[in-house]
Structure formats: C-alpha cells, structure tokens
Amino acid sequence: MDAADEQDFREFVSARSAALMRLGFLLTGGDQHAAEDLVQAALAKLAAKWHRVNAPEAYVRQIMYRQQVSWWRTIGRRGEVVQAVPPDRPGKDHTHQSELHMVLRGALARLTPRQRAVLVLRYLEDLPEDRVAEALGCSIGTVRSTTHRSLARLRQIAPELATELEAAT
C-alpha cells in the first residue's frame, strides 16, 4: 500500500469505524470484545485489498457478515454456551428510548446466531431478502422461515417489544 492509499484507508477507518462497531455489536449479540475483533478482522482484510476495492463500505460489511457466519459455524461445532439464569427484564414502562434498546439488545442476545444475523440484516440494515440470503450463503426460503421463527421467538422472549415488532413487520 503506497502512502496515498494508506492515507485514504486511514480516513475511511476514521470516518466509518463507529458505524462498523455498531454493526459488529449487533451481529455479535452485544458482545463488545467480539464486535471489536470482528471489525478489526474485517478492516485487516479490507486493507490487504484496499487498492482494488471500489466500494469499501459495502466490501467491509460483506466481510463482517461472512466472518461472523464463519465464527458461528465454528462455535456451532463446539456447542453454544447456555446461561442458567436469563437476564433480568426491565419493567413495562418504555418512556425512555434507551430502555427499549436494552430490552432489544438482551432479546437479540438470546437468539441463535443465525436468527440474530437474519434480523439484523433484514430489519436493522434494511436489506432485502435476496441480499440477506446472499450475505449469509443460504436460500431466500431459509431467510423467510428464519425471519418468521426469529420474530416469533423475540415475541416470546420479550413480550414488551410486541408493538415494535408488529410495526416492523
């Protein structure tokens, strides 16, 4: 990487790192350290091909989606860590927006990695079903059925999100 490319890469990282961290945080179910690892791994791969990439934002997001799916598959072989006690649920008063975000984050963390990825890509990243299927390497039918099951599970985990889930679907 020459000096001009390095400067362009540094500017990109400086400008987009906060948004990429938010995406990483959502994809990892709220695990700050895993999100940092995901963003760092994606940026390292982007840096290696920086001079050949036309749309770095889309490219790094694609790397993040695929890297997270790869990590999930590895975790799936080792088995998931199950918590004995679910996290405390906040009260039903949602007057403050941050409380709603905490409830959603906790509910997303209790979904399977694939369910979480489908919901994050479909509703938070606002990707169409075919793009979600492409990003996750599965069929559109799998995306549709996983979305349906994931929303049903969210309704079960956090009934206080029911009105928000109805508005989203």
N, C-alpha and C. Protein backbone atom coordinates (compact mmCIF):
# COMPACT_ATOMS: atom_id res chain seq x y z
N MET A 1 0.86 -1.16 0.00
CA MET A 1 0.00 0.00 0.00
C MET A 1 0.91 1.23 0.00
N ASP A 2 0.70 2.11 -0.97
CA ASP A 2 1.52 3.32 -1.01
C ASP A 2 0.97 4.36 -0.03
N ALA A 3 1.65 5.48 0.08
CA ALA A 3 1.29 6.50 1.08
C ALA A 3 -0.10 7.08 0.84
N ALA A 4 -0.47 7.28 -0.41
CA ALA A 4 -1.79 7.85 -0.71
C ALA A 4 -2.89 6.86 -0.34
N ASP A 5 -2.69 5.57 -0.69
CA ASP A 5 -3.67 4.55 -0.33
C ASP A 5 -3.79 4.42 1.18
N GLU A 6 -2.65 4.46 1.85
CA GLU A 6 -2.67 4.35 3.30
C GLU A 6 -3.44 5.51 3.93
N GLN A 7 -3.25 6.71 3.40
CA GLN A 7 -3.98 7.88 3.92
C GLN A 7 -5.47 7.74 3.66
N ASP A 8 -5.84 7.27 2.47
CA ASP A 8 -7.26 7.06 2.15
C ASP A 8 -7.87 6.01 3.08
N PHE A 9 -7.12 4.93 3.32
CA PHE A 9 -7.61 3.88 4.21
C PHE A 9 -7.80 4.42 5.62
N ARG A 10 -6.84 5.18 6.11
CA ARG A 10 -6.94 5.76 7.46
C ARG A 10 -8.16 6.69 7.57
N GLU A 11 -8.41 7.47 6.53
CA GLU A 11 -9.58 8.36 6.53
C GLU A 11 -10.88 7.55 6.54
N PHE A 12 -10.91 6.48 5.77
CA PHE A 12 -12.09 5.62 5.76
C PHE A 12 -12.34 5.03 7.15
N VAL A 13 -11.30 4.49 7.76
CA VAL A 13 -11.43 3.88 9.08
C VAL A 13 -11.89 4.92 10.09
N SER A 14 -11.31 6.10 10.03
CA SER A 14 -11.69 7.16 10.97
C SER A 14 -13.16 7.56 10.79
N ALA A 15 -13.60 7.66 9.55
CA ALA A 15 -14.97 8.11 9.27
C ALA A 15 -16.01 7.03 9.55
N ARG A 16 -15.69 5.77 9.31
CA ARG A 16 -16.70 4.71 9.35
C ARG A 16 -16.57 3.75 10.53
N SER A 17 -15.58 3.91 11.39
CA SER A 17 -15.37 2.93 12.46
C SER A 17 -16.53 2.87 13.45
N ALA A 18 -17.15 3.99 13.75
CA ALA A 18 -18.28 3.98 14.69
C ALA A 18 -19.46 3.19 14.12
N ALA A 19 -19.78 3.39 12.87
CA ALA A 19 -20.88 2.65 12.24
C ALA A 19 -20.54 1.17 12.14
N LEU A 20 -19.31 0.86 11.82
CA LEU A 20 -18.91 -0.54 11.73
C LEU A 20 -18.94 -1.21 13.11
N MET A 21 -18.59 -0.48 14.15
CA MET A 21 -18.66 -1.03 15.51
C MET A 21 -20.11 -1.30 15.90
N ARG A 22 -21.02 -0.41 15.52
CA ARG A 22 -22.45 -0.64 15.82
C ARG A 22 -22.93 -1.91 15.13
N LEU A 23 -22.55 -2.08 13.88
CA LEU A 23 -22.93 -3.29 13.14
C LEU A 23 -22.31 -4.52 13.81
N GLY A 24 -21.04 -4.44 14.15
CA GLY A 24 -20.38 -5.55 14.81
C GLY A 24 -21.03 -5.89 16.14
N PHE A 25 -21.42 -4.86 16.87
CA PHE A 25 -22.07 -5.04 18.17
C PHE A 25 -23.40 -5.78 17.98
N LEU A 26 -24.15 -5.42 16.97
CA LEU A 26 -25.43 -6.08 16.70
C LEU A 26 -25.22 -7.51 16.21
N LEU A 27 -24.25 -7.72 15.34
CA LEU A 27 -24.02 -9.06 14.81
C LEU A 27 -23.51 -10.02 15.88
N THR A 28 -22.81 -9.51 16.87
CA THR A 28 -22.27 -10.39 17.91
C THR A 28 -23.18 -10.50 19.11
N GLY A 29 -24.35 -9.92 19.05
CA GLY A 29 -25.31 -10.04 20.14
C GLY A 29 -24.95 -9.19 21.34
N GLY A 30 -24.26 -8.09 21.11
CA GLY A 30 -23.94 -7.18 22.20
C GLY A 30 -22.62 -7.45 22.89
N ASP A 31 -21.80 -8.30 22.34
CA ASP A 31 -20.50 -8.61 22.93
C ASP A 31 -19.47 -7.61 22.40
N GLN A 32 -19.09 -6.67 23.24
CA GLN A 32 -18.18 -5.59 22.84
C GLN A 32 -16.85 -6.13 22.32
N HIS A 33 -16.27 -7.10 23.01
CA HIS A 33 -14.97 -7.62 22.61
C HIS A 33 -15.05 -8.37 21.29
N ALA A 34 -16.10 -9.17 21.12
CA ALA A 34 -16.28 -9.89 19.86
C ALA A 34 -16.52 -8.91 18.71
N ALA A 35 -17.26 -7.83 18.99
CA ALA A 35 -17.51 -6.81 17.96
C ALA A 35 -16.20 -6.14 17.54
N GLU A 36 -15.35 -5.83 18.51
CA GLU A 36 -14.06 -5.23 18.19
C GLU A 36 -13.21 -6.18 17.36
N ASP A 37 -13.22 -7.47 17.72
CA ASP A 37 -12.48 -8.47 16.95
C ASP A 37 -13.01 -8.57 15.53
N LEU A 38 -14.33 -8.55 15.40
CA LEU A 38 -14.95 -8.66 14.09
C LEU A 38 -14.57 -7.48 13.20
N VAL A 39 -14.67 -6.27 13.74
CA VAL A 39 -14.32 -5.07 12.96
C VAL A 39 -12.83 -5.09 12.60
N GLN A 40 -11.99 -5.45 13.56
CA GLN A 40 -10.55 -5.49 13.29
C GLN A 40 -10.21 -6.51 12.21
N ALA A 41 -10.80 -7.68 12.27
CA ALA A 41 -10.55 -8.71 11.25
C ALA A 41 -11.02 -8.24 9.88
N ALA A 42 -12.19 -7.60 9.84
CA ALA A 42 -12.72 -7.12 8.56
C ALA A 42 -11.84 -6.01 7.98
N LEU A 43 -11.41 -5.09 8.83
CA LEU A 43 -10.56 -4.00 8.34
C LEU A 43 -9.19 -4.51 7.88
N ALA A 44 -8.68 -5.54 8.55
CA ALA A 44 -7.41 -6.12 8.12
C ALA A 44 -7.55 -6.73 6.72
N LYS A 45 -8.66 -7.41 6.47
CA LYS A 45 -8.89 -7.99 5.15
C LYS A 45 -9.10 -6.90 4.10
N LEU A 46 -9.80 -5.83 4.49
CA LEU A 46 -10.00 -4.71 3.58
C LEU A 46 -8.67 -4.05 3.24
N ALA A 47 -7.82 -3.87 4.23
CA ALA A 47 -6.52 -3.21 4.00
C ALA A 47 -5.69 -3.97 2.98
N ALA A 48 -5.77 -5.30 3.02
CA ALA A 48 -4.99 -6.11 2.09
C ALA A 48 -5.42 -5.90 0.64
N LYS A 49 -6.68 -5.52 0.42
CA LYS A 49 -7.19 -5.36 -0.94
C LYS A 49 -7.66 -3.93 -1.21
N TRP A 50 -7.21 -3.00 -0.41
CA TRP A 50 -7.70 -1.62 -0.48
C TRP A 50 -7.62 -1.03 -1.88
N HIS A 51 -6.51 -1.19 -2.56
CA HIS A 51 -6.33 -0.55 -3.87
C HIS A 51 -7.21 -1.15 -4.96
N ARG A 52 -7.81 -2.33 -4.71
CA ARG A 52 -8.67 -2.97 -5.71
C ARG A 52 -10.15 -2.81 -5.42
N VAL A 53 -10.51 -2.24 -4.28
CA VAL A 53 -11.91 -2.17 -3.86
C VAL A 53 -12.52 -0.85 -4.30
N ASN A 54 -13.66 -0.93 -5.00
CA ASN A 54 -14.35 0.28 -5.46
C ASN A 54 -15.30 0.84 -4.41
N ALA A 55 -15.97 -0.04 -3.67
CA ALA A 55 -16.95 0.38 -2.66
C ALA A 55 -16.52 -0.20 -1.30
N PRO A 56 -15.64 0.49 -0.59
CA PRO A 56 -15.09 -0.09 0.64
C PRO A 56 -16.13 -0.33 1.73
N GLU A 57 -17.15 0.51 1.83
CA GLU A 57 -18.18 0.34 2.87
C GLU A 57 -18.92 -0.98 2.66
N ALA A 58 -19.38 -1.21 1.45
CA ALA A 58 -20.10 -2.45 1.15
C ALA A 58 -19.18 -3.65 1.30
N TYR A 59 -17.94 -3.51 0.87
CA TYR A 59 -16.99 -4.62 0.94
C TYR A 59 -16.70 -5.01 2.38
N VAL A 60 -16.46 -4.03 3.25
CA VAL A 60 -16.13 -4.35 4.64
C VAL A 60 -17.35 -4.93 5.36
N ARG A 61 -18.54 -4.45 5.06
CA ARG A 61 -19.75 -5.03 5.65
C ARG A 61 -19.93 -6.48 5.22
N GLN A 62 -19.69 -6.76 3.96
CA GLN A 62 -19.79 -8.13 3.46
C GLN A 62 -18.77 -9.02 4.17
N ILE A 63 -17.57 -8.52 4.36
CA ILE A 63 -16.55 -9.27 5.09
C ILE A 63 -17.05 -9.56 6.51
N MET A 64 -17.64 -8.56 7.15
CA MET A 64 -18.12 -8.73 8.52
C MET A 64 -19.22 -9.79 8.59
N TYR A 65 -20.18 -9.75 7.67
CA TYR A 65 -21.26 -10.73 7.66
C TYR A 65 -20.68 -12.14 7.51
N ARG A 66 -19.82 -12.29 6.53
CA ARG A 66 -19.27 -13.62 6.26
C ARG A 66 -18.35 -14.10 7.37
N GLN A 67 -17.56 -13.19 7.94
CA GLN A 67 -16.67 -13.58 9.04
C GLN A 67 -17.49 -14.02 10.25
N GLN A 68 -18.57 -13.30 10.53
CA GLN A 68 -19.40 -13.68 11.67
C GLN A 68 -20.08 -15.03 11.44
N VAL A 69 -20.55 -15.28 10.22
CA VAL A 69 -21.14 -16.57 9.91
C VAL A 69 -20.09 -17.67 10.09
N SER A 70 -18.89 -17.42 9.65
CA SER A 70 -17.81 -18.39 9.80
C SER A 70 -17.55 -18.67 11.28
N TRP A 71 -17.52 -17.63 12.11
CA TRP A 71 -17.31 -17.82 13.54
C TRP A 71 -18.47 -18.59 14.16
N TRP A 72 -19.70 -18.30 13.71
CA TRP A 72 -20.87 -19.01 14.24
C TRP A 72 -20.77 -20.50 13.93
N ARG A 73 -20.34 -20.81 12.73
CA ARG A 73 -20.21 -22.22 12.36
C ARG A 73 -19.17 -22.91 13.23
N THR A 74 -18.09 -22.20 13.53
CA THR A 74 -17.07 -22.76 14.41
C THR A 74 -17.63 -22.96 15.81
N ILE A 75 -18.36 -21.99 16.31
CA ILE A 75 -18.98 -22.09 17.63
C ILE A 75 -19.98 -23.24 17.64
N GLY A 76 -20.72 -23.40 16.53
CA GLY A 76 -21.71 -24.48 16.44
C GLY A 76 -21.08 -25.85 16.58
N ARG A 77 -19.88 -25.99 16.10
CA ARG A 77 -19.18 -27.27 16.24
C ARG A 77 -18.74 -27.51 17.68
N ARG A 78 -18.46 -26.42 18.40
CA ARG A 78 -18.03 -26.54 19.78
C ARG A 78 -19.21 -26.54 20.74
N GLY A 79 -20.38 -26.12 20.28
CA GLY A 79 -21.56 -26.04 21.14
C GLY A 79 -21.73 -24.64 21.71
N GLU A 80 -22.96 -24.25 21.94
CA GLU A 80 -23.24 -22.93 22.49
C GLU A 80 -23.10 -22.93 24.00
N VAL A 81 -22.82 -21.77 24.53
CA VAL A 81 -22.76 -21.60 25.97
C VAL A 81 -24.17 -21.24 26.44
N VAL A 82 -24.69 -22.02 27.36
CA VAL A 82 -26.05 -21.81 27.84
C VAL A 82 -25.97 -21.16 29.22
N GLN A 83 -26.78 -20.12 29.42
CA GLN A 83 -26.82 -19.46 30.70
C GLN A 83 -27.90 -20.10 31.55
N ALA A 84 -27.60 -20.29 32.83
CA ALA A 84 -28.56 -20.92 33.74
C ALA A 84 -29.72 -19.99 34.06
N VAL A 85 -29.43 -18.70 34.18
CA VAL A 85 -30.45 -17.74 34.56
C VAL A 85 -30.53 -16.67 33.48
N PRO A 86 -31.74 -16.43 32.93
CA PRO A 86 -31.87 -15.37 31.93
C PRO A 86 -31.65 -14.00 32.56
N PRO A 87 -31.22 -13.02 31.77
CA PRO A 87 -31.01 -11.68 32.31
C PRO A 87 -32.32 -11.09 32.83
N ASP A 88 -32.20 -10.19 33.79
CA ASP A 88 -33.38 -9.53 34.33
C ASP A 88 -34.08 -8.74 33.24
N ARG A 89 -35.38 -8.73 33.29
CA ARG A 89 -36.17 -7.97 32.32
C ARG A 89 -36.56 -6.63 32.95
N PRO A 90 -36.45 -5.55 32.19
CA PRO A 90 -36.87 -4.27 32.72
C PRO A 90 -38.40 -4.20 32.82
N GLY A 91 -38.88 -3.21 33.53
CA GLY A 91 -40.33 -3.02 33.69
C GLY A 91 -41.00 -2.67 32.38
N LYS A 92 -42.32 -2.54 32.41
CA LYS A 92 -43.08 -2.31 31.19
C LYS A 92 -43.16 -0.84 30.79
N ASP A 93 -42.59 0.05 31.57
CA ASP A 93 -42.64 1.47 31.26
C ASP A 93 -41.52 1.82 30.27
N HIS A 94 -41.90 2.07 29.01
CA HIS A 94 -40.91 2.35 27.97
C HIS A 94 -40.87 3.83 27.62
N THR A 95 -40.87 4.66 28.60
CA THR A 95 -40.86 6.09 28.32
C THR A 95 -39.50 6.55 27.84
N HIS A 96 -38.49 5.86 28.19
CA HIS A 96 -37.15 6.26 27.78
C HIS A 96 -36.65 5.32 26.68
N GLN A 97 -36.20 5.87 25.58
CA GLN A 97 -35.79 5.07 24.42
C GLN A 97 -34.64 4.13 24.72
N SER A 98 -33.74 4.52 25.59
CA SER A 98 -32.59 3.66 25.87
C SER A 98 -33.01 2.36 26.55
N GLU A 99 -34.07 2.39 27.32
CA GLU A 99 -34.56 1.17 27.96
C GLU A 99 -35.05 0.19 26.90
N LEU A 100 -35.73 0.70 25.90
CA LEU A 100 -36.19 -0.15 24.80
C LEU A 100 -35.01 -0.78 24.07
N HIS A 101 -33.94 -0.01 23.86
CA HIS A 101 -32.75 -0.55 23.22
C HIS A 101 -32.12 -1.65 24.06
N MET A 102 -32.12 -1.48 25.36
CA MET A 102 -31.56 -2.50 26.24
C MET A 102 -32.38 -3.79 26.17
N VAL A 103 -33.69 -3.66 26.15
CA VAL A 103 -34.56 -4.83 26.05
C VAL A 103 -34.30 -5.54 24.72
N LEU A 104 -34.23 -4.78 23.63
CA LEU A 104 -33.99 -5.37 22.32
C LEU A 104 -32.63 -6.04 22.26
N ARG A 105 -31.61 -5.39 22.80
CA ARG A 105 -30.27 -5.96 22.80
C ARG A 105 -30.25 -7.28 23.58
N GLY A 106 -30.88 -7.30 24.74
CA GLY A 106 -30.94 -8.53 25.54
C GLY A 106 -31.69 -9.64 24.82
N ALA A 107 -32.79 -9.27 24.16
CA ALA A 107 -33.57 -10.27 23.43
C ALA A 107 -32.78 -10.81 22.23
N LEU A 108 -32.10 -9.93 21.51
CA LEU A 108 -31.29 -10.37 20.38
C LEU A 108 -30.17 -11.30 20.84
N ALA A 109 -29.61 -11.03 21.99
CA ALA A 109 -28.52 -11.86 22.51
C ALA A 109 -29.00 -13.28 22.83
N ARG A 110 -30.27 -13.44 23.10
CA ARG A 110 -30.81 -14.76 23.45
C ARG A 110 -31.24 -15.56 22.22
N LEU A 111 -31.20 -14.96 21.05
CA LEU A 111 -31.50 -15.69 19.82
C LEU A 111 -30.27 -16.48 19.38
N THR A 112 -30.48 -17.42 18.48
CA THR A 112 -29.34 -18.14 17.91
C THR A 112 -28.57 -17.17 17.02
N PRO A 113 -27.32 -17.44 16.75
CA PRO A 113 -26.54 -16.55 15.89
C PRO A 113 -27.18 -16.34 14.51
N ARG A 114 -27.71 -17.41 13.90
CA ARG A 114 -28.32 -17.26 12.58
C ARG A 114 -29.58 -16.39 12.66
N GLN A 115 -30.41 -16.61 13.69
CA GLN A 115 -31.62 -15.80 13.84
C GLN A 115 -31.25 -14.34 14.02
N ARG A 116 -30.25 -14.08 14.85
CA ARG A 116 -29.83 -12.70 15.10
C ARG A 116 -29.32 -12.07 13.82
N ALA A 117 -28.53 -12.80 13.05
CA ALA A 117 -27.97 -12.26 11.81
C ALA A 117 -29.07 -11.91 10.81
N VAL A 118 -30.04 -12.80 10.67
CA VAL A 118 -31.13 -12.54 9.73
C VAL A 118 -31.90 -11.29 10.14
N LEU A 119 -32.22 -11.15 11.42
CA LEU A 119 -32.97 -9.97 11.86
C LEU A 119 -32.15 -8.69 11.73
N VAL A 120 -30.88 -8.75 12.07
CA VAL A 120 -30.03 -7.56 11.96
C VAL A 120 -29.93 -7.12 10.50
N LEU A 121 -29.66 -8.08 9.62
CA LEU A 121 -29.52 -7.72 8.20
C LEU A 121 -30.85 -7.29 7.60
N ARG A 122 -31.92 -7.97 7.96
CA ARG A 122 -33.22 -7.71 7.35
C ARG A 122 -33.83 -6.39 7.83
N TYR A 123 -33.80 -6.15 9.14
CA TYR A 123 -34.52 -5.00 9.67
C TYR A 123 -33.63 -3.84 10.10
N LEU A 124 -32.47 -4.12 10.66
CA LEU A 124 -31.61 -3.02 11.09
C LEU A 124 -30.75 -2.50 9.95
N GLU A 125 -30.27 -3.39 9.09
CA GLU A 125 -29.52 -2.97 7.90
C GLU A 125 -30.45 -2.71 6.72
N ASP A 126 -31.73 -3.12 6.84
CA ASP A 126 -32.76 -2.90 5.84
C ASP A 126 -32.40 -3.50 4.48
N LEU A 127 -31.85 -4.71 4.51
CA LEU A 127 -31.52 -5.40 3.26
C LEU A 127 -32.71 -6.24 2.81
N PRO A 128 -32.93 -6.34 1.51
CA PRO A 128 -33.99 -7.22 1.01
C PRO A 128 -33.62 -8.68 1.24
N GLU A 129 -34.60 -9.55 1.16
CA GLU A 129 -34.38 -10.97 1.47
C GLU A 129 -33.30 -11.60 0.60
N ASP A 130 -33.26 -11.24 -0.68
CA ASP A 130 -32.26 -11.85 -1.56
C ASP A 130 -30.84 -11.45 -1.18
N ARG A 131 -30.65 -10.20 -0.73
CA ARG A 131 -29.32 -9.75 -0.30
C ARG A 131 -28.92 -10.42 1.02
N VAL A 132 -29.89 -10.63 1.92
CA VAL A 132 -29.61 -11.33 3.18
C VAL A 132 -29.19 -12.76 2.87
N ALA A 133 -29.92 -13.41 1.97
CA ALA A 133 -29.60 -14.79 1.59
C ALA A 133 -28.19 -14.86 0.99
N GLU A 134 -27.87 -13.90 0.15
CA GLU A 134 -26.54 -13.86 -0.46
C GLU A 134 -25.46 -13.64 0.60
N ALA A 135 -25.70 -12.72 1.52
CA ALA A 135 -24.71 -12.42 2.55
C ALA A 135 -24.47 -13.61 3.47
N LEU A 136 -25.51 -14.36 3.76
CA LEU A 136 -25.38 -15.49 4.69
C LEU A 136 -25.13 -16.82 3.99
N GLY A 137 -25.18 -16.81 2.68
CA GLY A 137 -24.92 -18.03 1.94
C GLY A 137 -26.02 -19.07 2.08
N CYS A 138 -27.27 -18.63 2.02
CA CYS A 138 -28.39 -19.56 2.13
C CYS A 138 -29.46 -19.15 1.12
N SER A 139 -30.57 -19.89 1.11
CA SER A 139 -31.64 -19.59 0.15
C SER A 139 -32.58 -18.52 0.71
N ILE A 140 -33.36 -17.93 -0.17
CA ILE A 140 -34.35 -16.93 0.23
C ILE A 140 -35.40 -17.56 1.13
N GLY A 141 -35.77 -18.80 0.84
CA GLY A 141 -36.73 -19.51 1.68
C GLY A 141 -36.21 -19.68 3.10
N THR A 142 -34.93 -19.94 3.24
CA THR A 142 -34.33 -20.06 4.57
C THR A 142 -34.39 -18.72 5.29
N VAL A 143 -34.13 -17.65 4.57
CA VAL A 143 -34.21 -16.32 5.18
C VAL A 143 -35.64 -16.05 5.65
N ARG A 144 -36.61 -16.37 4.82
CA ARG A 144 -38.02 -16.12 5.19
C ARG A 144 -38.43 -16.93 6.41
N SER A 145 -38.11 -18.22 6.40
CA SER A 145 -38.52 -19.06 7.53
C SER A 145 -37.77 -18.68 8.80
N THR A 146 -36.49 -18.35 8.67
CA THR A 146 -35.72 -17.94 9.85
C THR A 146 -36.24 -16.62 10.39
N THR A 147 -36.62 -15.71 9.50
CA THR A 147 -37.18 -14.43 9.94
C THR A 147 -38.47 -14.67 10.72
N HIS A 148 -39.32 -15.51 10.20
CA HIS A 148 -40.59 -15.81 10.86
C HIS A 148 -40.36 -16.41 12.25
N ARG A 149 -39.49 -17.42 12.31
CA ARG A 149 -39.21 -18.07 13.61
C ARG A 149 -38.50 -17.11 14.57
N SER A 150 -37.63 -16.26 14.05
CA SER A 150 -36.90 -15.33 14.91
C SER A 150 -37.84 -14.29 15.52
N LEU A 151 -38.75 -13.77 14.72
CA LEU A 151 -39.71 -12.80 15.25
C LEU A 151 -40.62 -13.44 16.28
N ALA A 152 -41.03 -14.68 16.02
CA ALA A 152 -41.87 -15.39 17.00
C ALA A 152 -41.10 -15.59 18.29
N ARG A 153 -39.84 -15.93 18.19
CA ARG A 153 -39.01 -16.13 19.38
C ARG A 153 -38.81 -14.81 20.13
N LEU A 154 -38.61 -13.71 19.40
CA LEU A 154 -38.48 -12.40 20.05
C LEU A 154 -39.76 -12.04 20.80
N ARG A 155 -40.90 -12.33 20.19
CA ARG A 155 -42.18 -12.06 20.87
C ARG A 155 -42.29 -12.88 22.16
N GLN A 156 -41.76 -14.08 22.13
CA GLN A 156 -41.80 -14.95 23.30
C GLN A 156 -40.81 -14.47 24.37
N ILE A 157 -39.62 -14.11 23.96
CA ILE A 157 -38.57 -13.68 24.90
C ILE A 157 -38.92 -12.34 25.53
N ALA A 158 -39.36 -11.41 24.72
CA ALA A 158 -39.61 -10.04 25.20
C ALA A 158 -40.98 -9.57 24.72
N PRO A 159 -42.03 -9.97 25.44
CA PRO A 159 -43.38 -9.56 25.02
C PRO A 159 -43.56 -8.04 25.02
N GLU A 160 -42.74 -7.33 25.79
CA GLU A 160 -42.85 -5.88 25.83
C GLU A 160 -42.45 -5.23 24.51
N LEU A 161 -41.84 -5.99 23.61
CA LEU A 161 -41.46 -5.48 22.29
C LEU A 161 -42.54 -5.72 21.24
N ALA A 162 -43.66 -6.30 21.63
CA ALA A 162 -44.69 -6.71 20.68
C ALA A 162 -45.13 -5.58 19.75
N THR A 163 -45.37 -4.40 20.27
CA THR A 163 -45.83 -3.30 19.40
C THR A 163 -44.76 -2.89 18.41
N GLU A 164 -43.49 -2.90 18.84
CA GLU A 164 -42.41 -2.54 17.92
C GLU A 164 -42.24 -3.61 16.85
N LEU A 165 -42.38 -4.88 17.22
CA LEU A 165 -42.25 -5.97 16.25
C LEU A 165 -43.39 -5.92 15.24
N GLU A 166 -44.59 -5.61 15.70
CA GLU A 166 -45.73 -5.51 14.77
C GLU A 166 -45.50 -4.37 13.79
N ALA A 167 -44.95 -3.26 14.26
CA ALA A 167 -44.68 -2.12 13.38
C ALA A 167 -43.61 -2.46 12.35
N ALA A 168 -42.62 -3.26 12.74
CA ALA A 168 -41.52 -3.62 11.85
C ALA A 168 -41.97 -4.58 10.76
N THR A 169 -42.92 -5.47 11.09
CA THR A 169 -43.36 -6.45 10.10
C THR A 169 -44.59 -5.96 9.42
